[in-house]
Structures are given as structure tokens and as C-alpha cells.
PDB file of N, CA and C in Angstrom:
ATOM      1  N   UNK A   1     -19.990  30.449  -0.450  1.00  0.00           N
ATOM      2  CA  UNK A   1     -19.743  29.040   0.014  1.00  0.00           C
ATOM      3  C   UNK A   1     -18.275  28.908   0.588  1.00  0.00           C
ATOM      4  N   UNK A   2     -17.834  28.997   1.646  1.00  0.00           N
ATOM      5  CA  UNK A   2     -16.327  28.402   2.074  1.00  0.00           C
ATOM      6  C   UNK A   2     -16.311  27.003   1.381  1.00  0.00           C
ATOM      7  N   UNK A   3     -14.836  26.791   1.930  1.00  0.00           N
ATOM      8  CA  UNK A   3     -14.263  25.401   1.173  1.00  0.00           C
ATOM      9  C   UNK A   3     -14.748  24.485   2.065  1.00  0.00           C
ATOM     10  N   UNK A   4     -15.094  24.625   3.385  1.00  0.00           N
ATOM     11  CA  UNK A   4     -15.153  23.951   4.101  1.00  0.00           C
ATOM     12  C   UNK A   4     -16.307  23.001   3.903  1.00  0.00           C
ATOM     13  N   UNK A   5     -17.388  23.877   4.115  1.00  0.00           N
ATOM     14  CA  UNK A   5     -18.879  23.256   3.466  1.00  0.00           C
ATOM     15  C   UNK A   5     -18.978  23.027   1.912  1.00  0.00           C
ATOM     16  N   UNK A   6     -18.051  23.312   1.441  1.00  0.00           N
ATOM     17  CA  UNK A   6     -18.200  23.061  -0.147  1.00  0.00           C
ATOM     18  C   UNK A   6     -17.337  21.347  -0.111  1.00  0.00           C
ATOM     19  N   UNK A   7     -16.202  21.306   0.759  1.00  0.00           N
ATOM     20  CA  UNK A   7     -15.901  19.592   0.554  1.00  0.00           C
ATOM     21  C   UNK A   7     -16.846  18.815   1.620  1.00  0.00           C
ATOM     22  N   UNK A   8     -17.398  19.450   2.385  1.00  0.00           N
ATOM     23  CA  UNK A   8     -18.876  18.783   2.875  1.00  0.00           C
ATOM     24  C   UNK A   8     -19.661  17.710   2.190  1.00  0.00           C
ATOM     25  N   UNK A   9     -20.164  18.965   1.026  1.00  0.00           N
ATOM     26  CA  UNK A   9     -20.922  18.568   0.466  1.00  0.00           C
ATOM     27  C   UNK A   9     -20.359  18.003  -0.941  1.00  0.00           C
ATOM     28  N   UNK A  10     -19.329  17.528  -1.186  1.00  0.00           N
ATOM     29  CA  UNK A  10     -18.656  16.614  -1.732  1.00  0.00           C
ATOM     30  C   UNK A  10     -18.331  15.328  -1.280  1.00  0.00           C
ATOM     31  N   UNK A  11     -18.392  15.402  -0.251  1.00  0.00           N
ATOM     32  CA  UNK A  11     -18.423  13.986   1.050  1.00  0.00           C
ATOM     33  C   UNK A  11     -19.882  13.364   0.982  1.00  0.00           C
ATOM     34  N   UNK A  12     -20.680  14.482   0.764  1.00  0.00           N
ATOM     35  CA  UNK A  12     -21.956  13.678   1.431  1.00  0.00           C
ATOM     36  C   UNK A  12     -22.613  13.358   0.106  1.00  0.00           C
ATOM     37  N   UNK A  13     -22.038  13.952  -1.350  1.00  0.00           N
ATOM     38  CA  UNK A  13     -22.187  13.215  -2.179  1.00  0.00           C
ATOM     39  C   UNK A  13     -21.923  12.126  -2.871  1.00  0.00           C
ATOM     40  N   UNK A  14     -20.522  11.715  -1.878  1.00  0.00           N
ATOM     41  CA  UNK A  14     -19.992  10.340  -2.200  1.00  0.00           C
ATOM     42  C   UNK A  14     -20.788   9.454  -1.002  1.00  0.00           C
ATOM     43  N   UNK A  15     -21.000   9.737   0.051  1.00  0.00           N
ATOM     44  CA  UNK A  15     -22.134   8.809   1.197  1.00  0.00           C
ATOM     45  C   UNK A  15     -23.016   8.533   0.334  1.00  0.00           C
ATOM     46  N   UNK A  16     -23.604   9.653  -0.440  1.00  0.00           N
ATOM     47  CA  UNK A  16     -25.404   9.350  -1.049  1.00  0.00           C
ATOM     48  C   UNK A  16     -25.495   8.396  -1.837  1.00  0.00           C
ATOM     49  N   UNK A  17     -23.758   8.754  -2.381  1.00  0.00           N
ATOM     50  CA  UNK A  17     -23.789   7.138  -4.168  1.00  0.00           C
ATOM     51  C   UNK A  17     -23.559   6.160  -3.447  1.00  0.00           C
ATOM     52  N   UNK A  18     -22.411   6.202  -2.320  1.00  0.00           N
ATOM     53  CA  UNK A  18     -21.914   4.779  -1.501  1.00  0.00           C
ATOM     54  C   UNK A  18     -23.318   3.884  -1.183  1.00  0.00           C
ATOM     55  N   UNK A  19     -24.273   4.970  -0.633  1.00  0.00           N
ATOM     56  CA  UNK A  19     -25.313   4.280   0.124  1.00  0.00           C
ATOM     57  C   UNK A  19     -26.168   3.524  -1.043  1.00  0.00           C
ATOM     58  N   UNK A  20     -26.420   4.269  -2.097  1.00  0.00           N
ATOM     59  CA  UNK A  20     -27.522   4.076  -2.944  1.00  0.00           C
ATOM     60  C   UNK A  20     -27.038   2.865  -3.762  1.00  0.00           C
ATOM     61  N   UNK A  21     -25.625   2.605  -3.685  1.00  0.00           N
ATOM     62  CA  UNK A  21     -25.635   1.371  -4.105  1.00  0.00           C
ATOM     63  C   UNK A  21     -25.444   0.187  -3.290  1.00  0.00           C
ATOM     64  N   UNK A  22     -25.676   0.511  -2.228  1.00  0.00           N
ATOM     65  CA  UNK A  22     -25.681  -0.103  -0.989  1.00  0.00           C
ATOM     66  C   UNK A  22     -26.693  -0.779  -0.735  1.00  0.00           C
ATOM     67  N   UNK A  23     -27.858   0.095  -1.147  1.00  0.00           N
ATOM     68  CA  UNK A  23     -29.220  -0.076  -1.119  1.00  0.00           C
ATOM     69  C   UNK A  23     -29.430  -0.791  -2.355  1.00  0.00           C
ATOM     70  N   UNK A  24     -28.859  -1.029  -3.422  1.00  0.00           N
ATOM     71  CA  UNK A  24     -29.331  -1.395  -4.633  1.00  0.00           C
ATOM     72  C   UNK A  24     -28.825  -2.465  -4.498  1.00  0.00           C
ATOM     73  N   UNK A  25     -27.160  -3.278  -3.901  1.00  0.00           N
ATOM     74  CA  UNK A  25     -27.031  -4.716  -4.245  1.00  0.00           C
ATOM     75  C   UNK A  25     -27.880  -5.215  -3.101  1.00  0.00           C
ATOM     76  N   UNK A  26     -27.625  -4.563  -1.912  1.00  0.00           N
ATOM     77  CA  UNK A  26     -28.619  -5.432  -0.925  1.00  0.00           C
ATOM     78  C   UNK A  26     -30.332  -6.160  -1.692  1.00  0.00           C
ATOM     79  N   UNK A  27     -30.702  -4.956  -2.390  1.00  0.00           N
ATOM     80  CA  UNK A  27     -32.055  -5.149  -3.034  1.00  0.00           C
ATOM     81  C   UNK A  27     -31.865  -6.458  -3.833  1.00  0.00           C
ATOM     82  N   UNK A  28     -31.101  -7.032  -4.077  1.00  0.00           N
ATOM     83  CA  UNK A  28     -31.036  -8.389  -4.273  1.00  0.00           C
ATOM     84  C   UNK A  28     -31.159  -9.757  -4.101  1.00  0.00           C
ATOM     85  N   UNK A  29     -30.914  -9.570  -2.608  1.00  0.00           N
ATOM     86  CA  UNK A  29     -30.833 -10.728  -1.922  1.00  0.00           C
ATOM     87  C   UNK A  29     -32.089 -10.692  -0.913  1.00  0.00           C
ATOM     88  N   UNK A  30     -33.078 -11.829  -0.250  1.00  0.00           N
ATOM     89  CA  UNK A  30     -33.698 -12.138   0.699  1.00  0.00           C
ATOM     90  C   UNK A  30     -33.237 -11.777   2.167  1.00  0.00           C
ATOM     91  N   UNK A  31     -33.961 -11.028   2.828  1.00  0.00           N
ATOM     92  CA  UNK A  31     -33.690 -11.208   4.293  1.00  0.00           C
ATOM     93  C   UNK A  31     -32.889  -9.625   4.324  1.00  0.00           C
ATOM     94  N   UNK A  32     -32.475  -8.353   3.829  1.00  0.00           N
ATOM     95  CA  UNK A  32     -31.748  -7.257   3.710  1.00  0.00           C
ATOM     96  C   UNK A  32     -32.766  -6.226   3.926  1.00  0.00           C
ATOM     97  N   UNK A  33     -34.102  -6.085   4.065  1.00  0.00           N
ATOM     98  CA  UNK A  33     -35.271  -5.672   4.388  1.00  0.00           C
ATOM     99  C   UNK A  33     -34.716  -4.560   5.152  1.00  0.00           C
ATOM    100  N   UNK A  34     -34.673  -4.794   6.584  1.00  0.00           N
ATOM    101  CA  UNK A  34     -34.291  -4.086   7.839  1.00  0.00           C
ATOM    102  C   UNK A  34     -32.783  -2.994   7.478  1.00  0.00           C
ATOM    103  N   UNK A  35     -32.005  -3.630   6.696  1.00  0.00           N
ATOM    104  CA  UNK A  35     -30.885  -2.644   6.224  1.00  0.00           C
ATOM    105  C   UNK A  35     -30.975  -2.119   5.566  1.00  0.00           C
ATOM    106  N   UNK A  36     -31.887  -2.136   4.233  1.00  0.00           N
ATOM    107  CA  UNK A  36     -32.225  -0.780   3.593  1.00  0.00           C
ATOM    108  C   UNK A  36     -33.248  -0.173   3.863  1.00  0.00           C
ATOM    109  N   UNK A  37     -33.859  -0.330   5.046  1.00  0.00           N
ATOM    110  CA  UNK A  37     -34.650   0.553   5.257  1.00  0.00           C
ATOM    111  C   UNK A  37     -33.953   1.509   6.201  1.00  0.00           C
ATOM    112  N   UNK A  38     -33.076   0.828   7.358  1.00  0.00           N
ATOM    113  CA  UNK A  38     -31.864   1.385   8.237  1.00  0.00           C
ATOM    114  C   UNK A  38     -31.221   2.659   7.115  1.00  0.00           C
ATOM    115  N   UNK A  39     -30.554   2.322   6.370  1.00  0.00           N
ATOM    116  CA  UNK A  39     -29.782   2.567   5.362  1.00  0.00           C
ATOM    117  C   UNK A  39     -30.482   3.908   4.382  1.00  0.00           C
ATOM    118  N   UNK A  40     -31.462   3.817   3.777  1.00  0.00           N
ATOM    119  CA  UNK A  40     -32.430   5.001   3.459  1.00  0.00           C
ATOM    120  C   UNK A  40     -32.686   6.213   4.421  1.00  0.00           C
ATOM    121  N   UNK A  41     -33.298   5.460   5.508  1.00  0.00           N
ATOM    122  CA  UNK A  41     -33.937   6.204   6.839  1.00  0.00           C
ATOM    123  C   UNK A  41     -32.514   7.791   7.099  1.00  0.00           C
ATOM    124  N   UNK A  42     -31.308   6.469   7.407  1.00  0.00           N
ATOM    125  CA  UNK A  42     -29.945   7.390   7.858  1.00  0.00           C
ATOM    126  C   UNK A  42     -29.538   8.274   6.413  1.00  0.00           C
ATOM    127  N   UNK A  43     -29.744   8.510   5.297  1.00  0.00           N
ATOM    128  CA  UNK A  43     -29.209   9.214   4.087  1.00  0.00           C
ATOM    129  C   UNK A  43     -30.702  10.407   3.795  1.00  0.00           C
ATOM    130  N   UNK A  44     -31.862   9.962   4.062  1.00  0.00           N
ATOM    131  CA  UNK A  44     -32.741  10.460   3.153  1.00  0.00           C
ATOM    132  C   UNK A  44     -32.565  12.146   3.610  1.00  0.00           C
ATOM    133  N   UNK A  45     -32.054  12.342   4.520  1.00  0.00           N
ATOM    134  CA  UNK A  45     -32.236  13.750   4.450  1.00  0.00           C
ATOM    135  C   UNK A  45     -30.758  14.870   4.071  1.00  0.00           C
ATOM    136  N   UNK A  46     -29.611  13.871   3.226  1.00  0.00           N
ATOM    137  CA  UNK A  46     -28.429  14.751   3.405  1.00  0.00           C
ATOM    138  C   UNK A  46     -28.899  15.117   1.946  1.00  0.00           C
ATOM    139  N   UNK A  47     -29.267  15.346   0.964  1.00  0.00           N
ATOM    140  CA  UNK A  47     -29.515  15.564   0.127  1.00  0.00           C
ATOM    141  C   UNK A  47     -29.925  17.122   0.247  1.00  0.00           C
ATOM    142  N   UNK A  48     -31.243  17.381   1.220  1.00  0.00           N
ATOM    143  CA  UNK A  48     -31.548  18.856   1.476  1.00  0.00           C
ATOM    144  C   UNK A  48     -30.666  19.686   2.504  1.00  0.00           C
ATOM    145  N   UNK A  49     -29.101  18.773   2.831  1.00  0.00           N
ATOM    146  CA  UNK A  49     -28.239  19.672   3.220  1.00  0.00           C
ATOM    147  C   UNK A  49     -27.658  20.344   2.429  1.00  0.00           C
ATOM    148  N   UNK A  50     -27.355  19.744   1.730  1.00  0.00           N
ATOM    149  CA  UNK A  50     -26.190  19.177  -0.019  1.00  0.00           C
ATOM    150  C   UNK A  50     -26.700  20.981  -1.063  1.00  0.00           C
ATOM    151  N   UNK A  51     -28.505  21.342  -0.257  1.00  0.00           N
ATOM    152  CA  UNK A  51     -28.545  22.245  -1.662  1.00  0.00           C
ATOM    153  C   UNK A  51     -29.606  23.375  -0.637  1.00  0.00           C
ATOM    154  N   UNK A  52     -28.790  22.667   1.165  1.00  0.00           N
ATOM    155  CA  UNK A  52     -29.069  24.325   1.524  1.00  0.00           C
ATOM    156  C   UNK A  52     -30.206  24.860   2.081  1.00  0.00           C
ATOM    157  N   UNK A  53     -31.130  23.329   2.419  1.00  0.00           N
ATOM    158  CA  UNK A  53     -32.453  23.043   2.918  1.00  0.00           C
ATOM    159  C   UNK A  53     -32.451  23.006   4.327  1.00  0.00           C
ATOM    160  N   UNK A  54     -31.505  22.118   4.727  1.00  0.00           N
ATOM    161  CA  UNK A  54     -31.821  21.555   6.218  1.00  0.00           C
ATOM    162  C   UNK A  54     -29.771  21.455   6.687  1.00  0.00           C
ATOM    163  N   UNK A  55     -29.405  22.262   7.198  1.00  0.00           N
ATOM    164  CA  UNK A  55     -28.261  22.817   7.598  1.00  0.00           C
ATOM    165  C   UNK A  55     -27.739  21.716   9.117  1.00  0.00           C
ATOM    166  N   UNK A  56     -28.996  21.073   9.576  1.00  0.00           N
ATOM    167  CA  UNK A  56     -28.948  20.479  11.132  1.00  0.00           C
ATOM    168  C   UNK A  56     -28.373  19.117  10.823  1.00  0.00           C
ATOM    169  N   UNK A  57     -28.321  18.367   9.447  1.00  0.00           N
ATOM    170  CA  UNK A  57     -28.132  17.515   9.104  1.00  0.00           C
ATOM    171  C   UNK A  57     -26.615  17.054   9.847  1.00  0.00           C
ATOM    172  N   UNK A  58     -25.970  17.903   9.701  1.00  0.00           N
ATOM    173  CA  UNK A  58     -24.704  17.284  10.054  1.00  0.00           C
ATOM    174  C   UNK A  58     -24.554  17.496  11.005  1.00  0.00           C
ATOM    175  N   UNK A  59     -25.311  18.117  12.195  1.00  0.00           N
ATOM    176  CA  UNK A  59     -25.119  17.788  13.856  1.00  0.00           C
ATOM    177  C   UNK A  59     -25.175  16.323  14.114  1.00  0.00           C
ATOM    178  N   UNK A  60     -25.748  15.680  13.285  1.00  0.00           N
ATOM    179  CA  UNK A  60     -26.200  14.419  14.043  1.00  0.00           C
ATOM    180  C   UNK A  60     -25.511  13.124  12.760  1.00  0.00           C
ATOM    181  N   UNK A  61     -25.625  13.439  11.913  1.00  0.00           N
ATOM    182  CA  UNK A  61     -24.734  13.091  10.702  1.00  0.00           C
ATOM    183  C   UNK A  61     -23.799  11.388  10.721  1.00  0.00           C
ATOM    184  N   UNK A  62     -22.578  12.108  11.415  1.00  0.00           N
ATOM    185  CA  UNK A  62     -21.558  11.419  11.847  1.00  0.00           C
ATOM    186  C   UNK A  62     -21.801  10.487  13.621  1.00  0.00           C
ATOM    187  N   UNK A  63     -22.960  10.695  14.630  1.00  0.00           N
ATOM    188  CA  UNK A  63     -23.110  10.022  15.424  1.00  0.00           C
ATOM    189  C   UNK A  63     -24.174   9.051  14.413  1.00  0.00           C
ATOM    190  N   UNK A  64     -25.213   8.994  13.884  1.00  0.00           N
ATOM    191  CA  UNK A  64     -25.977   8.960  13.537  1.00  0.00           C
ATOM    192  C   UNK A  64     -24.939   7.025  12.728  1.00  0.00           C
ATOM    193  N   UNK A  65     -23.946   7.545  11.866  1.00  0.00           N
ATOM    194  CA  UNK A  65     -23.053   5.951  10.957  1.00  0.00           C
ATOM    195  C   UNK A  65     -22.322   5.825  12.208  1.00  0.00           C
ATOM    196  N   UNK A  66     -21.997   6.195  13.079  1.00  0.00           N
ATOM    197  CA  UNK A  66     -21.721   5.186  14.167  1.00  0.00           C
ATOM    198  C   UNK A  66     -22.621   4.177  14.848  1.00  0.00           C
ATOM    199  N   UNK A  67     -23.896   4.645  14.745  1.00  0.00           N
ATOM    200  CA  UNK A  67     -24.877   4.071  15.006  1.00  0.00           C
ATOM    201  C   UNK A  67     -25.442   3.090  14.379  1.00  0.00           C
ATOM    202  N   UNK A  68     -25.269   3.413  13.419  1.00  0.00           N
ATOM    203  CA  UNK A  68     -25.445   2.444  12.481  1.00  0.00           C
ATOM    204  C   UNK A  68     -24.730   1.221  11.758  1.00  0.00           C
ATOM    205  N   UNK A  69     -23.490   2.006  12.159  1.00  0.00           N
ATOM    206  CA  UNK A  69     -21.994   0.450  12.100  1.00  0.00           C
ATOM    207  C   UNK A  69     -22.583   0.041  12.583  1.00  0.00           C
ATOM    208  N   UNK A  70     -22.305   0.466  14.312  1.00  0.00           N
ATOM    209  CA  UNK A  70     -22.639  -1.226  15.177  1.00  0.00           C
ATOM    210  C   UNK A  70     -23.826  -1.561  15.322  1.00  0.00           C
ATOM    211  N   UNK A  71     -25.127  -1.323  14.741  1.00  0.00           N
ATOM    212  CA  UNK A  71     -26.262  -1.836  14.967  1.00  0.00           C
ATOM    213  C   UNK A  71     -26.172  -3.328  13.418  1.00  0.00           C
ATOM    214  N   UNK A  72     -25.438  -3.049  12.326  1.00  0.00           N
ATOM    215  CA  UNK A  72     -25.738  -3.586  11.710  1.00  0.00           C
ATOM    216  C   UNK A  72     -24.106  -4.504  10.759  1.00  0.00           C
ATOM    217  N   UNK A  73     -23.271  -3.792  11.616  1.00  0.00           N
ATOM    218  CA  UNK A  73     -21.800  -4.727  11.658  1.00  0.00           C
ATOM    219  C   UNK A  73     -21.631  -4.171  10.446  1.00  0.00           C
ATOM    220  N   UNK A  74     -20.188  -4.933   9.577  1.00  0.00           N
ATOM    221  CA  UNK A  74     -20.219  -4.339   8.254  1.00  0.00           C
ATOM    222  C   UNK A  74     -19.627  -3.273   8.220  1.00  0.00           C
ATOM    223  N   UNK A  75     -18.026  -2.855   8.213  1.00  0.00           N
ATOM    224  CA  UNK A  75     -17.335  -1.609   8.045  1.00  0.00           C
ATOM    225  C   UNK A  75     -17.511  -0.539   6.580  1.00  0.00           C
ATOM    226  N   UNK A  76     -18.721   0.076   6.199  1.00  0.00           N
ATOM    227  CA  UNK A  76     -18.984   0.976   4.952  1.00  0.00           C
ATOM    228  C   UNK A  76     -17.650   1.947   5.290  1.00  0.00           C
ATOM    229  N   UNK A  77     -18.447   2.514   3.773  1.00  0.00           N
ATOM    230  CA  UNK A  77     -16.978   3.747   4.068  1.00  0.00           C
ATOM    231  C   UNK A  77     -17.441   5.037   4.467  1.00  0.00           C
ATOM    232  N   UNK A  78     -18.931   4.964   4.787  1.00  0.00           N
ATOM    233  CA  UNK A  78     -19.476   6.418   5.274  1.00  0.00           C
ATOM    234  C   UNK A  78     -18.600   7.524   6.143  1.00  0.00           C
ATOM    235  N   UNK A  79     -18.510   6.746   7.741  1.00  0.00           N
ATOM    236  CA  UNK A  79     -17.368   7.239   8.381  1.00  0.00           C
ATOM    237  C   UNK A  79     -16.318   7.785   8.154  1.00  0.00           C
ATOM    238  N   UNK A  80     -15.520   6.779   7.318  1.00  0.00           N
ATOM    239  CA  UNK A  80     -13.698   6.756   6.825  1.00  0.00           C
ATOM    240  C   UNK A  80     -14.466   8.155   5.928  1.00  0.00           C
ATOM    241  N   UNK A  81     -14.912   8.447   4.945  1.00  0.00           N
ATOM    242  CA  UNK A  81     -15.423   9.425   3.790  1.00  0.00           C
ATOM    243  C   UNK A  81     -15.687  10.700   5.035  1.00  0.00           C
ATOM    244  N   UNK A  82     -16.441  11.063   5.714  1.00  0.00           N
ATOM    245  CA  UNK A  82     -16.514  11.770   6.911  1.00  0.00           C
ATOM    246  C   UNK A  82     -15.405  12.461   7.682  1.00  0.00           C
ATOM    247  N   UNK A  83     -14.338  11.839   7.916  1.00  0.00           N
ATOM    248  CA  UNK A  83     -13.022  11.679   8.684  1.00  0.00           C
ATOM    249  C   UNK A  83     -12.055  12.176   7.566  1.00  0.00           C
ATOM    250  N   UNK A  84     -12.072  12.367   6.446  1.00  0.00           N
ATOM    251  CA  UNK A  84     -10.811  12.425   5.204  1.00  0.00           C
ATOM    252  C   UNK A  84     -10.671  14.063   5.676  1.00  0.00           C
ATOM    253  N   UNK A  85      -9.681  14.286   5.447  1.00  0.00           N
ATOM    254  CA  UNK A  85      -9.053  15.526   5.020  1.00  0.00           C
ATOM    255  C   UNK A  85      -9.411  15.473   3.581  1.00  0.00           C
ATOM    256  N   UNK A  86      -8.883  17.203   3.073  1.00  0.00           N
ATOM    257  CA  UNK A  86      -9.183  17.467   1.709  1.00  0.00           C
ATOM    258  C   UNK A  86      -8.225  16.529   0.641  1.00  0.00           C
ATOM    259  N   UNK A  87      -7.293  16.732   1.325  1.00  0.00           N
ATOM    260  CA  UNK A  87      -6.011  15.590   0.639  1.00  0.00           C
ATOM    261  C   UNK A  87      -6.636  14.205   0.407  1.00  0.00           C
ATOM    262  N   UNK A  88      -6.412  13.269   1.311  1.00  0.00           N
ATOM    263  CA  UNK A  88      -6.934  12.120   1.467  1.00  0.00           C
ATOM    264  C   UNK A  88      -8.764  12.107   0.703  1.00  0.00           C
ATOM    265  N   UNK A  89      -9.040  12.915   0.214  1.00  0.00           N
ATOM    266  CA  UNK A  89     -10.937  12.664  -0.287  1.00  0.00           C
ATOM    267  C   UNK A  89     -10.305  12.987  -1.621  1.00  0.00           C
ATOM    268  N   UNK A  90      -9.495  14.085  -1.561  1.00  0.00           N
ATOM    269  CA  UNK A  90      -9.349  14.098  -3.057  1.00  0.00           C
ATOM    270  C   UNK A  90      -8.730  13.245  -4.037  1.00  0.00           C
ATOM    271  N   UNK A  91      -7.453  12.824  -3.109  1.00  0.00           N
ATOM    272  CA  UNK A  91      -6.724  11.573  -3.741  1.00  0.00           C
ATOM    273  C   UNK A  91      -7.803  10.357  -3.675  1.00  0.00           C
ATOM    274  N   UNK A  92      -8.495   9.942  -3.081  1.00  0.00           N
ATOM    275  CA  UNK A  92      -9.572   9.064  -3.366  1.00  0.00           C
ATOM    276  C   UNK A  92     -11.008   9.309  -4.166  1.00  0.00           C
ATOM    277  N   UNK A  93     -11.134  10.270  -4.108  1.00  0.00           N
ATOM    278  CA  UNK A  93     -12.612  10.425  -4.965  1.00  0.00           C
ATOM    279  C   UNK A  93     -12.749  11.279  -6.221  1.00  0.00           C
ATOM    280  N   UNK A  94     -11.691  12.120  -6.204  1.00  0.00           N
ATOM    281  CA  UNK A  94     -11.152  12.991  -7.544  1.00  0.00           C
ATOM    282  C   UNK A  94     -10.482  13.007  -8.738  1.00  0.00           C
ATOM    283  N   UNK A  95      -9.835  11.378  -8.500  1.00  0.00           N
ATOM    284  CA  UNK A  95      -9.125  11.421  -9.564  1.00  0.00           C
ATOM    285  C   UNK A  95     -10.159  10.851 -10.874  1.00  0.00           C
ATOM    286  N   UNK A  96      -9.655  10.993 -12.141  1.00  0.00           N
ATOM    287  CA  UNK A  96     -10.509  10.010 -13.197  1.00  0.00           C
ATOM    288  C   UNK A  96     -10.031   8.854 -12.894  1.00  0.00           C
ATOM    289  N   UNK A  97     -11.069   7.722 -12.597  1.00  0.00           N
ATOM    290  CA  UNK A  97     -10.636   6.559 -12.923  1.00  0.00           C
ATOM    291  C   UNK A  97     -11.774   5.686 -13.288  1.00  0.00           C
ATOM    292  N   UNK A  98     -12.153   5.955 -14.300  1.00  0.00           N
ATOM    293  CA  UNK A  98     -13.582   5.749 -14.855  1.00  0.00           C
ATOM    294  C   UNK A  98     -13.227   4.552 -15.337  1.00  0.00           C
ATOM    295  N   UNK A  99     -13.879   3.034 -15.187  1.00  0.00           N
ATOM    296  CA  UNK A  99     -13.486   1.611 -15.914  1.00  0.00           C
ATOM    297  C   UNK A  99     -14.394   1.665 -17.180  1.00  0.00           C
ATOM    298  N   UNK A 100     -14.503   2.679 -17.416  1.00  0.00           N
ATOM    299  CA  UNK A 100     -14.672   2.275 -19.218  1.00  0.00           C
ATOM    300  C   UNK A 100     -14.080   3.981 -19.887  1.00  0.00           C
ATOM    301  N   UNK A 101     -13.849   3.781 -21.152  1.00  0.00           N
ATOM    302  CA  UNK A 101     -13.365   4.929 -22.120  1.00  0.00           C
ATOM    303  C   UNK A 101     -13.922   6.522 -21.900  1.00  0.00           C
ATOM    304  N   UNK A 102     -13.907   7.459 -21.978  1.00  0.00           N
ATOM    305  CA  UNK A 102     -14.532   8.526 -21.940  1.00  0.00           C
ATOM    306  C   UNK A 102     -14.962   8.684 -23.171  1.00  0.00           C
ATOM    307  N   UNK A 103     -16.706   9.458 -23.105  1.00  0.00           N
ATOM    308  CA  UNK A 103     -17.153   9.316 -24.519  1.00  0.00           C
ATOM    309  C   UNK A 103     -16.193   9.948 -25.802  1.00  0.00           C
ATOM    310  N   UNK A 104     -15.240  10.787 -25.340  1.00  0.00           N
ATOM    311  CA  UNK A 104     -14.831  11.421 -26.831  1.00  0.00           C
ATOM    312  C   UNK A 104     -13.564  10.152 -27.110  1.00  0.00           C
ATOM    313  N   UNK A 105     -13.049   9.448 -26.116  1.00  0.00           N
ATOM    314  CA  UNK A 105     -12.039   8.445 -26.242  1.00  0.00           C
ATOM    315  C   UNK A 105     -12.866   7.148 -27.112  1.00  0.00           C
ATOM    316  N   UNK A 106     -13.822   6.625 -26.306  1.00  0.00           N
ATOM    317  CA  UNK A 106     -14.976   6.082 -27.532  1.00  0.00           C
ATOM    318  C   UNK A 106     -14.632   6.051 -28.769  1.00  0.00           C
ATOM    319  N   UNK A 107     -15.012   7.699 -29.411  1.00  0.00           N
ATOM    320  CA  UNK A 107     -15.818   7.944 -30.418  1.00  0.00           C
ATOM    321  C   UNK A 107     -14.626   7.802 -31.231  1.00  0.00           C
ATOM    322  N   UNK A 108     -13.447   7.822 -30.797  1.00  0.00           N
ATOM    323  CA  UNK A 108     -12.324   7.589 -31.823  1.00  0.00           C
ATOM    324  C   UNK A 108     -11.912   6.151 -32.714  1.00  0.00           C
TER     325      UNK A 108
END
């Protein structure tokens, strides 16, 4: 696997994570069904790309996120994640920044 694909897979993992968190948070309130549906529809093929089953996902992913953001307002991290270079992505998403102690630390 080349470095560009590996980075894109890592970015897609963060995007799916962020989208699932948003979907979960939206599910707590009434009237969010449309946004939940649109967000789930937007990301449902991303895991297939990540495991090498659908290489076409990336061809429309950025365009679809741009459309989603225009239609639903509120800036979400999805486009920002896609546009990050490796150094910025690593700084934002690859630093150890747990909000709880690591299992080995918790046992001591």
C-alpha cells in the first residue's frame, strides 16, 4: 500500500468516527432524522473503500461532503480532515490524548 492511500484510509477512519459520533448525538434530539439520514447515506460506503472493495468512493467523497455542508449548515470536520496534509493530520489525530488513563497506568 502506498503512503497516499494509507493516509487516505486513516483520514476515512477519522471521518467515519466523527460521523458516527455526530449521528449518535443527533439521535438524542427530536427533528434530526433528515440530517441523520443524510450523514449515514454520505458515509455508508467509506468502510468499503477502507478495506479495498470500492475504490470509487474517493472520487465523489469531497464533493458530497461539500454538498452536505451547504445543505445542512454547521461546519463539520469532514472536509477539513480530507484536506489535511500528513503533518497536520498526524498532529491532530495521532497524538496520544486520551481523556482517561491507559489500561497499564490504571492498574498501578
